[in-house]
N, C-alpha and C. Protein backbone atom coordinates (compact mmCIF):
# COMPACT_ATOMS: atom_id res chain seq x y z
N UNK A 1 201.19 199.31 41.83
CA UNK A 1 200.38 199.77 43.18
C UNK A 1 199.50 198.75 43.71
N UNK A 2 199.97 198.29 45.13
CA UNK A 2 199.06 197.36 45.72
C UNK A 2 198.16 198.07 46.79
N UNK A 3 196.52 197.76 46.82
CA UNK A 3 195.91 198.16 47.45
C UNK A 3 195.37 196.60 48.34
N UNK A 4 195.56 196.75 49.45
CA UNK A 4 194.48 195.58 50.32
C UNK A 4 193.13 196.44 50.77
N UNK A 5 192.36 195.76 50.40
CA UNK A 5 190.61 196.76 50.32
C UNK A 5 190.35 196.55 51.48
N UNK A 6 191.09 195.67 52.61
CA UNK A 6 190.64 195.28 54.23
C UNK A 6 191.41 196.77 54.84
N UNK A 7 192.03 197.38 53.98
CA UNK A 7 193.27 198.18 55.43
C UNK A 7 192.85 199.59 54.75
N UNK A 8 192.16 199.92 53.91
CA UNK A 8 192.26 201.34 53.35
C UNK A 8 191.03 202.18 53.96
N UNK A 9 191.27 203.20 53.98
CA UNK A 9 189.73 204.17 54.74
C UNK A 9 188.72 203.58 54.22
N UNK A 10 187.54 203.49 55.02
CA UNK A 10 186.41 203.71 54.32
C UNK A 10 185.09 204.37 54.79
N UNK A 11 184.75 204.86 53.96
CA UNK A 11 183.54 205.89 54.62
C UNK A 11 182.40 205.01 53.72
N UNK A 12 181.02 205.02 55.32
CA UNK A 12 180.12 204.64 54.26
C UNK A 12 178.57 205.35 54.69
N UNK A 13 178.32 205.97 53.84
CA UNK A 13 176.80 206.74 53.64
C UNK A 13 175.72 206.43 54.11
N UNK A 14 175.25 206.65 54.76
CA UNK A 14 173.95 206.32 55.44
C UNK A 14 173.23 207.17 56.46
N UNK A 15 171.44 207.70 56.00
CA UNK A 15 170.76 208.54 56.52
C UNK A 15 170.59 208.17 57.77
N UNK A 16 170.15 208.99 58.94
CA UNK A 16 170.06 208.24 60.26
C UNK A 16 168.76 207.63 60.34
N UNK A 17 167.84 207.73 59.13
CA UNK A 17 166.59 206.93 59.55
C UNK A 17 166.55 205.53 59.45
N UNK A 18 167.83 205.19 58.38
CA UNK A 18 167.85 204.03 57.80
C UNK A 18 168.74 202.93 58.62
N UNK A 19 167.90 202.57 60.05
CA UNK A 19 168.67 201.97 60.88
C UNK A 19 168.62 200.41 60.12
N UNK A 20 168.22 200.08 59.93
CA UNK A 20 168.22 198.46 59.37
C UNK A 20 169.55 198.36 58.62
N UNK A 21 169.67 199.18 57.58
CA UNK A 21 170.56 199.78 56.40
C UNK A 21 172.00 199.90 57.49
N UNK A 22 171.99 200.38 58.17
CA UNK A 22 173.25 200.50 59.15
C UNK A 22 173.75 199.52 60.01
N UNK A 23 172.79 198.68 60.37
CA UNK A 23 173.08 196.98 61.17
C UNK A 23 173.66 196.14 59.63
N UNK A 24 172.94 195.99 58.93
CA UNK A 24 173.69 195.35 57.47
C UNK A 24 174.89 195.69 56.90
N UNK A 25 175.18 197.23 56.97
CA UNK A 25 176.67 197.43 56.80
C UNK A 25 177.65 197.02 57.59
N UNK A 26 177.39 197.21 58.79
CA UNK A 26 178.27 197.08 60.20
C UNK A 26 178.38 195.11 60.18
N UNK A 27 177.93 194.98 59.37
CA UNK A 27 177.69 193.14 59.23
C UNK A 27 178.41 192.89 58.24
N UNK A 28 178.12 193.69 57.26
CA UNK A 28 178.89 193.16 56.00
C UNK A 28 180.62 193.92 56.02
N UNK A 29 180.75 194.71 56.67
CA UNK A 29 182.21 195.16 56.64
C UNK A 29 182.80 194.44 58.04
N UNK A 30 182.18 193.55 59.16
CA UNK A 30 182.49 192.66 59.88
C UNK A 30 182.90 191.87 58.93
N UNK A 31 182.32 190.91 58.30
CA UNK A 31 182.59 189.96 57.08
C UNK A 31 183.88 189.98 56.22
N UNK A 32 183.66 191.40 55.69
CA UNK A 32 184.63 191.54 55.10
C UNK A 32 185.75 191.75 55.52
N UNK A 33 185.96 192.04 56.75
CA UNK A 33 187.23 192.40 57.42
C UNK A 33 187.80 193.75 57.37
N UNK A 34 187.23 194.84 57.11
CA UNK A 34 187.59 196.21 56.76
C UNK A 34 187.51 196.91 57.83
N UNK A 35 188.35 197.56 58.29
CA UNK A 35 188.64 197.77 59.86
C UNK A 35 188.51 199.12 59.73
N UNK A 36 189.12 199.98 58.93
CA UNK A 36 189.47 201.28 58.92
C UNK A 36 188.05 201.61 58.40
N UNK A 37 187.01 202.27 59.12
CA UNK A 37 185.80 202.46 58.24
C UNK A 37 185.11 203.38 59.47
N UNK A 38 184.60 204.31 59.32
CA UNK A 38 183.56 205.16 59.86
C UNK A 38 182.01 205.34 58.50
N UNK A 39 181.02 205.38 59.70
CA UNK A 39 179.69 205.61 59.10
C UNK A 39 179.71 207.41 59.17
N UNK A 40 179.02 208.00 57.43
CA UNK A 40 178.62 209.12 57.84
C UNK A 40 177.37 209.24 57.42
N UNK A 41 176.81 210.37 58.38
CA UNK A 41 175.18 210.62 58.59
C UNK A 41 174.74 211.27 57.36
N UNK A 42 174.38 210.42 56.48
CA UNK A 42 173.54 211.26 55.22
C UNK A 42 173.34 212.71 55.10
N UNK A 43 173.41 213.51 54.41
CA UNK A 43 172.37 214.78 54.08
C UNK A 43 171.32 214.34 53.56
N UNK A 44 170.12 215.04 54.07
CA UNK A 44 168.66 215.21 53.96
C UNK A 44 167.84 216.39 53.69
N UNK A 45 167.04 216.74 53.18
CA UNK A 45 166.76 217.89 53.24
C UNK A 45 166.37 218.77 52.02
N UNK A 46 167.39 218.44 51.13
CA UNK A 46 167.43 219.03 49.96
C UNK A 46 166.10 218.80 49.04
N UNK A 47 165.82 219.81 48.55
CA UNK A 47 164.73 219.27 47.54
C UNK A 47 165.13 219.48 46.25
N UNK A 48 164.43 217.87 45.52
CA UNK A 48 164.59 217.76 44.12
C UNK A 48 163.76 218.92 43.34
N UNK A 49 164.35 218.71 41.72
CA UNK A 49 163.22 219.79 40.92
C UNK A 49 162.30 219.16 41.01
N UNK A 50 161.24 219.92 40.17
CA UNK A 50 159.97 220.04 40.51
C UNK A 50 159.60 218.54 39.39
N UNK A 51 160.18 218.40 38.23
CA UNK A 51 159.95 217.25 37.56
C UNK A 51 160.88 216.02 37.62
N UNK A 52 161.52 215.97 39.04
CA UNK A 52 162.29 214.45 39.14
C UNK A 52 161.72 213.23 38.88
N UNK A 53 162.64 212.26 38.45
CA UNK A 53 162.06 211.30 37.98
C UNK A 53 161.81 210.56 39.21
N UNK A 54 160.76 209.15 39.04
CA UNK A 54 160.32 208.77 40.64
C UNK A 54 161.31 207.94 40.62
N UNK A 55 161.88 207.77 42.02
CA UNK A 55 163.23 206.96 42.26
C UNK A 55 164.41 207.62 42.47
N UNK A 56 164.13 208.94 41.72
CA UNK A 56 165.54 209.53 42.18
C UNK A 56 165.36 211.11 42.73
N UNK A 57 164.27 210.92 43.75
CA UNK A 57 163.72 212.00 44.62
C UNK A 57 165.28 212.27 45.47
N UNK A 58 165.93 211.66 45.69
CA UNK A 58 166.86 212.05 46.55
C UNK A 58 168.38 212.54 45.94
N UNK A 59 168.36 212.35 45.16
CA UNK A 59 169.61 212.64 43.66
C UNK A 59 170.38 213.57 44.48
N UNK A 60 170.03 214.98 44.97
CA UNK A 60 170.92 215.82 45.49
C UNK A 60 171.80 215.39 46.91
N UNK A 61 170.34 214.89 47.75
CA UNK A 61 171.04 214.82 49.35
C UNK A 61 172.27 213.62 49.09
N UNK A 62 171.71 212.49 48.02
CA UNK A 62 173.02 211.43 47.85
C UNK A 62 174.31 211.95 47.47
N UNK A 63 174.27 213.24 46.22
CA UNK A 63 175.52 213.72 45.66
C UNK A 63 176.22 214.88 46.85
N UNK A 64 175.29 215.46 47.34
CA UNK A 64 175.74 216.64 48.64
C UNK A 64 176.85 215.21 49.68
N UNK A 65 175.92 214.25 50.14
CA UNK A 65 177.09 213.67 50.83
C UNK A 65 177.92 212.88 50.29
N UNK A 66 178.15 212.84 49.16
CA UNK A 66 179.64 212.30 48.68
C UNK A 66 180.46 213.34 48.51
N UNK A 67 180.01 214.26 48.21
CA UNK A 67 180.90 215.57 47.70
C UNK A 67 181.57 216.19 49.51
N UNK A 68 180.59 215.80 50.26
CA UNK A 68 181.10 216.48 52.02
C UNK A 68 181.83 215.10 52.07
N UNK A 69 182.10 214.15 51.89
CA UNK A 69 183.02 213.34 52.19
C UNK A 69 184.44 213.60 51.71
N UNK A 70 184.09 213.83 50.35
CA UNK A 70 185.18 214.31 49.83
C UNK A 70 186.14 215.36 50.13
N UNK A 71 185.32 216.23 50.59
CA UNK A 71 185.76 217.50 51.07
C UNK A 71 186.47 217.56 52.09
N UNK A 72 186.12 216.69 53.26
CA UNK A 72 187.20 216.01 54.83
C UNK A 72 187.95 215.21 54.41
N UNK A 73 188.24 214.09 52.98
CA UNK A 73 189.14 214.03 52.64
C UNK A 73 190.51 214.41 51.72
N UNK A 74 189.87 215.53 51.51
CA UNK A 74 190.88 216.83 50.80
C UNK A 74 191.21 217.43 51.76
N UNK A 75 190.77 217.56 52.94
CA UNK A 75 190.75 218.66 54.11
C UNK A 75 191.99 218.12 54.47
N UNK A 76 191.80 216.75 54.96
CA UNK A 76 193.02 215.80 55.86
C UNK A 76 193.84 215.19 55.06
N UNK A 77 193.37 215.11 53.62
CA UNK A 77 194.64 214.10 52.83
C UNK A 77 194.50 212.53 53.24
N UNK A 78 193.32 212.14 53.11
CA UNK A 78 192.77 210.85 53.77
C UNK A 78 192.66 209.97 52.28
N UNK A 79 193.63 209.95 51.36
CA UNK A 79 193.75 209.17 50.12
C UNK A 79 194.54 208.16 50.27
N UNK A 80 194.18 206.71 49.58
CA UNK A 80 192.72 206.39 49.23
C UNK A 80 192.09 206.41 50.28
N UNK A 81 191.10 206.30 49.62
CA UNK A 81 189.87 206.39 50.33
C UNK A 81 188.51 205.76 49.68
N UNK A 82 187.73 204.70 50.24
CA UNK A 82 186.67 203.87 49.70
C UNK A 82 185.57 204.64 50.26
N UNK A 83 184.51 205.02 49.27
CA UNK A 83 183.16 205.55 49.55
C UNK A 83 182.39 204.11 49.10
N UNK A 84 181.20 204.11 50.20
CA UNK A 84 180.38 202.95 49.78
C UNK A 84 179.32 203.58 50.35
N UNK A 85 178.37 203.33 49.58
CA UNK A 85 176.57 203.53 49.78
C UNK A 85 176.11 202.37 50.96
N UNK A 86 174.90 202.89 51.34
CA UNK A 86 174.85 201.46 52.20
C UNK A 86 173.45 200.64 51.89
N UNK A 87 173.45 200.49 50.29
CA UNK A 87 172.92 199.39 49.95
C UNK A 87 173.63 198.36 49.50
N UNK A 88 174.77 198.47 49.61
CA UNK A 88 175.95 197.56 48.77
C UNK A 88 175.74 196.18 49.48
N UNK A 89 176.14 195.09 48.38
CA UNK A 89 176.09 193.87 48.87
C UNK A 89 178.04 193.61 48.59
N UNK A 90 178.27 192.37 48.11
CA UNK A 90 179.51 191.77 48.23
C UNK A 90 179.72 190.81 47.47
N UNK A 91 180.49 190.29 46.34
CA UNK A 91 180.85 189.30 45.61
C UNK A 91 182.28 189.32 45.73
N UNK A 92 183.09 187.90 45.64
CA UNK A 92 184.46 188.18 45.36
C UNK A 92 185.48 188.98 46.04
N UNK A 93 184.81 189.49 47.06
CA UNK A 93 185.79 190.28 48.03
C UNK A 93 186.91 189.35 48.04
N UNK A 94 188.26 190.24 47.87
CA UNK A 94 189.50 189.67 48.13
C UNK A 94 190.06 189.28 49.15
N UNK A 95 190.99 188.41 49.55
CA UNK A 95 191.77 188.37 50.90
C UNK A 95 192.96 188.87 50.82
N UNK A 96 193.29 189.09 49.94
CA UNK A 96 194.64 189.66 49.79
C UNK A 96 194.92 190.98 48.79
N UNK A 97 195.67 191.47 49.01
CA UNK A 97 196.02 192.78 48.17
C UNK A 97 196.06 192.90 46.29
N UNK A 98 195.21 193.65 45.92
CA UNK A 98 195.07 193.59 44.47
C UNK A 98 196.01 194.49 43.86
N UNK A 99 196.72 194.14 42.68
CA UNK A 99 197.83 195.24 41.74
C UNK A 99 196.30 196.30 41.15
N UNK A 100 197.14 197.66 41.35
CA UNK A 100 196.23 198.26 40.43
C UNK A 100 197.36 199.20 39.38
N UNK A 101 197.51 199.73 38.54
CA UNK A 101 197.94 201.04 37.55
C UNK A 101 198.36 201.53 38.66
N UNK A 102 199.52 201.83 38.61
CA UNK A 102 200.20 203.18 38.92
C UNK A 102 199.73 204.69 38.85
N UNK A 103 198.82 204.82 37.68
CA UNK A 103 197.95 205.83 37.16
C UNK A 103 197.03 206.27 37.15
N UNK A 104 196.43 204.97 38.11
CA UNK A 104 194.90 205.58 38.34
C UNK A 104 194.55 206.42 38.85
N UNK A 105 193.39 207.41 38.82
CA UNK A 105 192.98 208.04 40.09
C UNK A 105 192.00 207.96 40.47
N UNK A 106 191.27 206.72 39.89
CA UNK A 106 190.23 205.72 41.02
C UNK A 106 190.11 204.74 40.36
N UNK A 107 189.61 203.67 41.29
CA UNK A 107 189.18 202.31 40.66
C UNK A 107 187.80 202.53 41.53
N UNK A 108 186.53 201.64 40.40
CA UNK A 108 185.58 201.48 40.90
C UNK A 108 185.02 200.10 41.17
N UNK A 109 185.18 199.72 42.47
CA UNK A 109 185.14 198.46 42.84
C UNK A 109 183.37 197.93 42.72
N UNK A 110 182.43 199.46 42.15
CA UNK A 110 181.14 198.96 41.82
C UNK A 110 181.06 199.76 40.39
N UNK A 111 180.41 198.95 39.59
CA UNK A 111 179.86 199.44 38.20
C UNK A 111 178.46 199.47 37.99
N UNK A 112 177.99 199.74 36.30
CA UNK A 112 176.62 199.47 36.04
C UNK A 112 176.67 199.66 35.09
N UNK A 113 175.51 199.20 34.55
CA UNK A 113 175.27 199.08 32.76
C UNK A 113 174.24 200.14 32.59
N UNK A 114 174.08 201.08 33.49
CA UNK A 114 172.64 202.27 33.29
C UNK A 114 173.19 202.87 31.91
N UNK A 115 174.35 202.98 31.45
CA UNK A 115 174.54 203.78 30.26
C UNK A 115 175.04 202.66 29.40
N UNK A 116 174.57 202.22 28.84
CA UNK A 116 174.53 201.05 27.27
C UNK A 116 175.80 201.62 26.10
N UNK A 117 176.46 202.61 26.26
CA UNK A 117 177.51 203.20 25.75
C UNK A 117 178.40 203.70 26.19
N UNK A 118 179.40 202.52 27.39
CA UNK A 118 180.04 202.75 28.28
C UNK A 118 181.34 202.18 27.30
N UNK A 119 182.69 202.47 27.77
CA UNK A 119 184.00 201.91 27.17
C UNK A 119 184.43 201.55 28.19
N UNK A 120 185.34 200.02 27.91
CA UNK A 120 186.02 199.49 28.97
C UNK A 120 186.86 198.83 28.16
N UNK A 121 188.33 198.87 28.49
CA UNK A 121 189.61 198.56 27.48
C UNK A 121 189.86 197.70 29.06
N UNK A 122 190.02 196.26 28.21
CA UNK A 122 191.00 195.39 29.35
C UNK A 122 192.88 196.07 29.97
N UNK A 123 193.06 196.08 31.04
CA UNK A 123 194.19 195.98 30.92
C UNK A 123 195.04 195.12 32.03
N UNK A 124 193.67 193.84 32.18
CA UNK A 124 194.45 192.83 33.01
C UNK A 124 193.20 191.63 32.90
N UNK A 125 193.57 190.80 33.70
CA UNK A 125 192.61 189.28 33.85
C UNK A 125 191.06 190.19 34.82
N UNK A 126 191.63 191.41 35.38
CA UNK A 126 190.49 191.49 36.73
C UNK A 126 190.41 193.03 36.57
N UNK A 127 190.77 193.70 35.49
CA UNK A 127 190.40 195.32 35.41
C UNK A 127 190.06 195.71 34.22
N UNK A 128 189.63 197.04 34.01
CA UNK A 128 189.63 197.67 32.68
C UNK A 128 189.38 199.24 33.21
N UNK A 129 190.53 199.48 32.12
CA UNK A 129 190.27 201.31 31.77
C UNK A 129 188.88 201.50 31.34
N UNK A 130 187.92 202.44 32.33
CA UNK A 130 186.26 202.94 31.85
C UNK A 130 186.18 204.17 31.62
N UNK A 131 185.30 204.42 31.00
CA UNK A 131 185.01 205.58 30.74
C UNK A 131 183.48 205.39 30.41
N UNK A 132 182.45 206.64 30.85
CA UNK A 132 180.69 206.65 30.85
C UNK A 132 180.10 205.71 30.98
N UNK A 133 180.63 204.97 32.42
CA UNK A 133 180.24 204.28 33.34
C UNK A 133 179.59 204.64 34.39
N UNK A 134 178.02 204.73 34.86
CA UNK A 134 177.47 205.38 35.33
C UNK A 134 177.33 204.32 36.75
N UNK A 135 177.90 204.75 38.30
CA UNK A 135 178.09 204.54 39.40
C UNK A 135 178.38 205.45 40.16
N UNK A 136 178.33 204.88 41.65
CA UNK A 136 178.69 206.17 42.80
C UNK A 136 178.53 205.15 44.34
N UNK A 137 178.43 203.92 44.01
CA UNK A 137 178.06 203.42 44.90
C UNK A 137 179.34 202.40 45.75
N UNK A 138 180.30 202.66 44.89
CA UNK A 138 181.68 201.77 45.39
C UNK A 138 182.83 202.50 44.93
N UNK A 139 183.35 203.27 45.23
CA UNK A 139 184.51 204.12 44.55
C UNK A 139 185.63 204.37 45.49
N UNK A 140 186.87 203.85 45.22
CA UNK A 140 188.36 204.20 45.81
C UNK A 140 188.55 204.93 44.57
N UNK A 141 188.80 206.56 45.47
CA UNK A 141 189.20 207.72 45.43
C UNK A 141 190.67 207.96 45.61
N UNK A 142 191.29 207.91 44.58
CA UNK A 142 192.96 207.39 44.85
C UNK A 142 193.84 209.32 44.56
N UNK A 143 193.38 210.08 43.59
CA UNK A 143 194.02 211.27 43.34
C UNK A 143 193.12 212.68 44.02
N UNK A 144 193.49 213.50 44.33
CA UNK A 144 193.08 214.68 44.89
C UNK A 144 192.36 215.31 44.17
N UNK A 145 193.12 215.59 42.91
CA UNK A 145 192.34 215.94 41.56
C UNK A 145 191.26 215.73 40.74
N UNK A 146 191.24 214.35 41.01
CA UNK A 146 189.93 213.17 40.17
C UNK A 146 188.93 213.70 41.79
N UNK A 147 188.95 214.16 43.04
CA UNK A 147 188.00 214.13 44.11
C UNK A 147 187.57 215.28 43.34
N UNK A 148 188.48 216.60 43.14
CA UNK A 148 188.14 217.65 43.26
C UNK A 148 187.24 218.12 42.11
N UNK A 149 187.70 216.82 41.07
CA UNK A 149 186.73 217.64 39.46
C UNK A 149 185.11 216.47 39.92
N UNK A 150 185.17 215.74 40.49
CA UNK A 150 183.90 215.00 40.66
C UNK A 150 183.03 215.96 41.52
N UNK A 151 183.40 216.48 42.50
CA UNK A 151 182.70 217.32 43.20
C UNK A 151 182.28 218.84 42.43
N UNK A 152 183.00 219.87 41.24
CA UNK A 152 182.69 220.56 40.57
C UNK A 152 182.22 219.61 39.35
N UNK A 153 181.96 218.54 38.88
CA UNK A 153 181.11 218.41 37.65
C UNK A 153 180.09 218.08 38.18
N UNK A 154 179.68 217.50 39.51
CA UNK A 154 178.62 216.86 40.12
C UNK A 154 177.92 217.80 40.46
N UNK A 155 178.14 219.23 41.06
CA UNK A 155 177.31 220.15 41.71
C UNK A 155 176.84 220.85 40.10
N UNK A 156 176.98 220.85 39.23
CA UNK A 156 176.67 221.06 38.13
C UNK A 156 176.01 220.46 37.56
N UNK A 157 176.20 219.02 37.43
CA UNK A 157 175.32 218.20 37.40
C UNK A 157 174.08 218.19 37.90
N UNK A 158 173.94 218.59 39.34
CA UNK A 158 172.97 218.17 40.00
C UNK A 158 171.91 219.50 40.26
N UNK A 159 172.45 220.80 39.90
CA UNK A 159 171.57 221.90 40.23
C UNK A 159 171.82 223.09 38.78
N UNK A 160 172.52 222.59 38.12
CA UNK A 160 172.38 223.05 36.83
C UNK A 160 171.68 222.04 35.47
N UNK A 161 171.93 220.71 35.63
CA UNK A 161 171.20 219.87 34.41
C UNK A 161 169.86 218.94 35.49
N UNK A 162 169.65 219.24 36.56
CA UNK A 162 168.93 218.19 37.35
C UNK A 162 168.65 217.06 37.32
N UNK A 163 170.33 216.37 37.45
CA UNK A 163 170.24 214.65 36.97
C UNK A 163 171.20 214.49 38.08
N UNK A 164 171.45 213.13 38.72
CA UNK A 164 172.29 212.76 39.15
C UNK A 164 173.54 212.77 39.10
N UNK A 165 174.38 212.82 40.16
CA UNK A 165 176.01 213.53 39.87
C UNK A 165 176.75 212.41 39.00
N UNK A 166 176.54 211.34 39.19
CA UNK A 166 177.11 209.83 38.38
C UNK A 166 176.93 210.11 37.23
N UNK A 167 176.22 210.71 36.59
CA UNK A 167 176.10 210.84 35.01
C UNK A 167 176.93 211.94 34.39
N UNK A 168 176.91 213.08 35.15
CA UNK A 168 177.79 214.23 35.11
C UNK A 168 179.81 213.27 34.80
N UNK A 169 179.96 212.74 36.08
CA UNK A 169 181.18 212.01 36.48
C UNK A 169 181.28 211.22 35.00
N UNK A 170 180.38 210.31 34.78
CA UNK A 170 180.50 209.25 33.89
C UNK A 170 180.89 209.94 32.51
N UNK A 171 180.38 211.18 32.09
CA UNK A 171 180.52 211.71 30.49
C UNK A 171 181.51 212.77 30.73
N UNK A 172 181.80 214.00 31.64
CA UNK A 172 182.43 214.59 31.64
C UNK A 172 183.78 214.11 32.67
N UNK A 173 183.98 213.76 33.31
CA UNK A 173 185.15 213.58 34.63
C UNK A 173 185.58 212.38 34.31
N UNK A 174 185.19 211.00 33.94
CA UNK A 174 185.67 209.70 33.88
C UNK A 174 186.75 210.39 32.65
N UNK A 175 186.41 210.78 31.38
CA UNK A 175 187.38 210.68 30.35
C UNK A 175 188.42 212.04 30.31
N UNK A 176 188.42 212.14 31.55
CA UNK A 176 189.64 213.46 31.72
C UNK A 176 190.54 212.63 32.70
N UNK A 177 190.80 211.76 33.13
CA UNK A 177 191.51 210.92 34.04
C UNK A 177 191.79 209.45 33.76
N UNK A 178 192.67 208.97 34.73
CA UNK A 178 192.79 207.50 34.46
C UNK A 178 192.24 206.77 35.29
N UNK A 179 191.16 206.29 34.53
CA UNK A 179 189.94 205.41 35.61
C UNK A 179 189.60 204.12 35.81
N UNK A 180 189.70 203.27 36.12
CA UNK A 180 189.39 202.03 36.25
C UNK A 180 188.59 201.30 37.46
N UNK A 181 187.71 200.08 36.47
CA UNK A 181 186.83 199.67 36.95
C UNK A 181 187.18 197.96 36.86
N UNK A 182 186.47 197.20 38.04
CA UNK A 182 186.87 195.67 38.07
C UNK A 182 185.89 195.26 36.92
N UNK A 183 186.62 194.12 36.61
CA UNK A 183 185.45 193.54 35.82
C UNK A 183 184.50 192.63 35.85
N UNK A 184 184.38 192.02 36.81
CA UNK A 184 183.53 191.67 37.55
C UNK A 184 183.40 192.59 38.80
N UNK A 185 182.53 193.63 39.16
CA UNK A 185 182.49 194.24 40.49
C UNK A 185 182.12 193.59 42.05
N UNK A 186 183.05 194.22 42.59
CA UNK A 186 182.82 193.42 43.90
C UNK A 186 182.09 193.92 45.00
N UNK A 187 181.53 194.96 44.66
CA UNK A 187 180.23 195.72 45.29
C UNK A 187 179.03 195.90 44.39
N UNK A 188 177.41 195.59 44.46
CA UNK A 188 176.68 195.97 43.54
C UNK A 188 175.65 196.36 44.68
N UNK A 189 174.43 196.88 44.22
CA UNK A 189 173.74 197.42 44.95
C UNK A 189 172.48 196.64 45.23
N UNK A 190 172.28 195.75 46.46
CA UNK A 190 171.17 194.81 46.31
C UNK A 190 169.82 195.18 46.51
N UNK A 191 169.18 194.63 45.49
CA UNK A 191 167.53 194.65 45.86
C UNK A 191 167.00 194.11 47.06
N UNK A 192 167.62 193.59 47.39
CA UNK A 192 166.74 193.30 48.83
C UNK A 192 166.84 194.44 49.60
N UNK A 193 167.97 195.75 49.92
CA UNK A 193 167.86 196.51 50.21
C UNK A 193 167.31 198.00 49.74
N UNK A 194 166.94 197.65 48.89
CA UNK A 194 165.99 198.61 48.29
C UNK A 194 164.69 198.58 48.16
N UNK A 195 163.75 199.36 48.28
CA UNK A 195 162.21 199.17 48.11
C UNK A 195 162.02 199.98 47.10
N UNK A 196 162.20 200.90 46.47
CA UNK A 196 162.35 201.49 44.82
C UNK A 196 163.17 201.23 43.86
N UNK A 197 164.13 201.31 43.90
CA UNK A 197 165.04 201.25 42.70
C UNK A 197 165.54 199.58 42.71
N UNK A 198 165.64 198.97 42.08
CA UNK A 198 165.89 197.72 41.72
C UNK A 198 166.99 197.42 40.96
N UNK A 199 168.43 197.70 41.20
CA UNK A 199 169.66 197.87 40.45
C UNK A 199 170.47 196.37 40.33
N UNK A 200 169.87 195.76 41.27
CA UNK A 200 171.11 194.44 41.18
C UNK A 200 171.76 194.16 40.23
N UNK A 201 170.89 193.52 39.07
CA UNK A 201 171.06 193.06 37.89
C UNK A 201 172.19 193.96 37.02
N UNK A 202 171.68 195.34 36.98
CA UNK A 202 172.47 196.14 36.15
C UNK A 202 173.49 196.24 36.80
N UNK A 203 173.93 196.57 38.01
CA UNK A 203 175.14 196.61 39.08
C UNK A 203 176.19 195.60 39.28
N UNK A 204 175.27 194.15 39.42
CA UNK A 204 176.03 192.86 39.75
C UNK A 204 176.67 192.50 38.10
N UNK A 205 176.41 192.58 37.26
CA UNK A 205 176.74 191.66 35.80
C UNK A 205 178.26 192.43 35.39
N UNK A 206 178.98 191.67 35.39
CA UNK A 206 180.36 192.16 34.67
C UNK A 206 180.20 192.68 33.61
N UNK A 207 181.07 194.00 33.37
CA UNK A 207 181.56 194.74 32.20
C UNK A 207 182.05 193.98 30.94
N UNK A 208 181.50 194.06 29.79
CA UNK A 208 181.98 193.47 29.03
C UNK A 208 182.89 194.45 28.09
N UNK A 209 184.37 193.84 27.94
CA UNK A 209 185.08 194.64 27.12
C UNK A 209 184.94 195.19 26.05
N UNK A 210 184.89 196.66 25.97
CA UNK A 210 184.42 197.12 24.61
C UNK A 210 185.27 198.48 24.31
N UNK A 211 185.94 198.39 23.35
CA UNK A 211 186.99 199.59 22.83
C UNK A 211 186.48 200.77 22.48
N UNK A 212 186.66 201.65 22.12
CA UNK A 212 186.04 203.00 21.32
C UNK A 212 185.41 202.50 20.17
N UNK A 213 186.09 201.90 19.01
CA UNK A 213 185.27 201.59 17.95
C UNK A 213 184.04 200.83 18.26
N UNK A 214 183.76 199.96 19.06
CA UNK A 214 182.95 199.10 19.70
C UNK A 214 181.92 199.98 20.05
N UNK A 215 181.97 200.92 21.09
CA UNK A 215 181.08 201.86 21.75
C UNK A 215 180.94 203.32 20.26
N UNK A 216 181.62 203.40 19.68
CA UNK A 216 181.00 204.37 18.54
C UNK A 216 179.87 203.72 17.61
N UNK A 217 180.27 202.58 17.12
CA UNK A 217 179.54 201.67 16.27
C UNK A 217 177.92 201.69 16.90
N UNK A 218 178.12 201.27 18.62
CA UNK A 218 176.77 200.94 19.24
C UNK A 218 176.13 201.81 19.08
N UNK A 219 176.54 203.48 19.76
CA UNK A 219 176.11 204.86 19.27
C UNK A 219 175.54 205.17 18.08
N UNK A 220 175.99 204.84 16.92
CA UNK A 220 175.03 204.92 15.59
C UNK A 220 174.15 204.03 15.63
N UNK A 221 173.82 202.98 16.47
CA UNK A 221 173.06 201.96 16.00
C UNK A 221 171.80 201.95 16.95
N UNK A 222 171.68 203.08 18.27
CA UNK A 222 170.77 202.80 18.49
C UNK A 222 169.65 204.26 18.89
């Protein structure tokens, strides 16, 4: 399966008050020549749990914004769908279609080292089969079943476990599906676009290939 990242449907999430980020996203997407794009007005006003971690105050709003975009995609059957958050920047964006496995349920164009105990099995020079990888800032959703599972598992995560939805998706959802991530992330979360969370190094650094034996050994050592 070949995908041209410039041609697939792209929805980017941005709250109405972040006017500067909106302008930066339009500039970025123009530069990348992503034409089929639409801004989603991010959901606000949902309170976090009382003991929320500093910097994660908006985790329920962020999650519900993603879920709303996915519900619309499910209703209108607009897959493949690239969802971007408005703090992303790009590196090594391809100017030609990329070959992806035909069994893929999702492609993570953005990844993270937020969970050190991730699984990443090489399948090509540029692609890894992944599990337990935190990230939501740049994902191509390919299958309806994965989108449905992300919503279901994510809702439990934000309202029952009081944690960001990508945590549940990493541990509960990804292992049940065929999820692939770029060895070198194409999109990362820019420190320059964030006042509180500085995750650029965590999201810009390439994933290291790691099989299950290696991750099991690492789990025992920490």
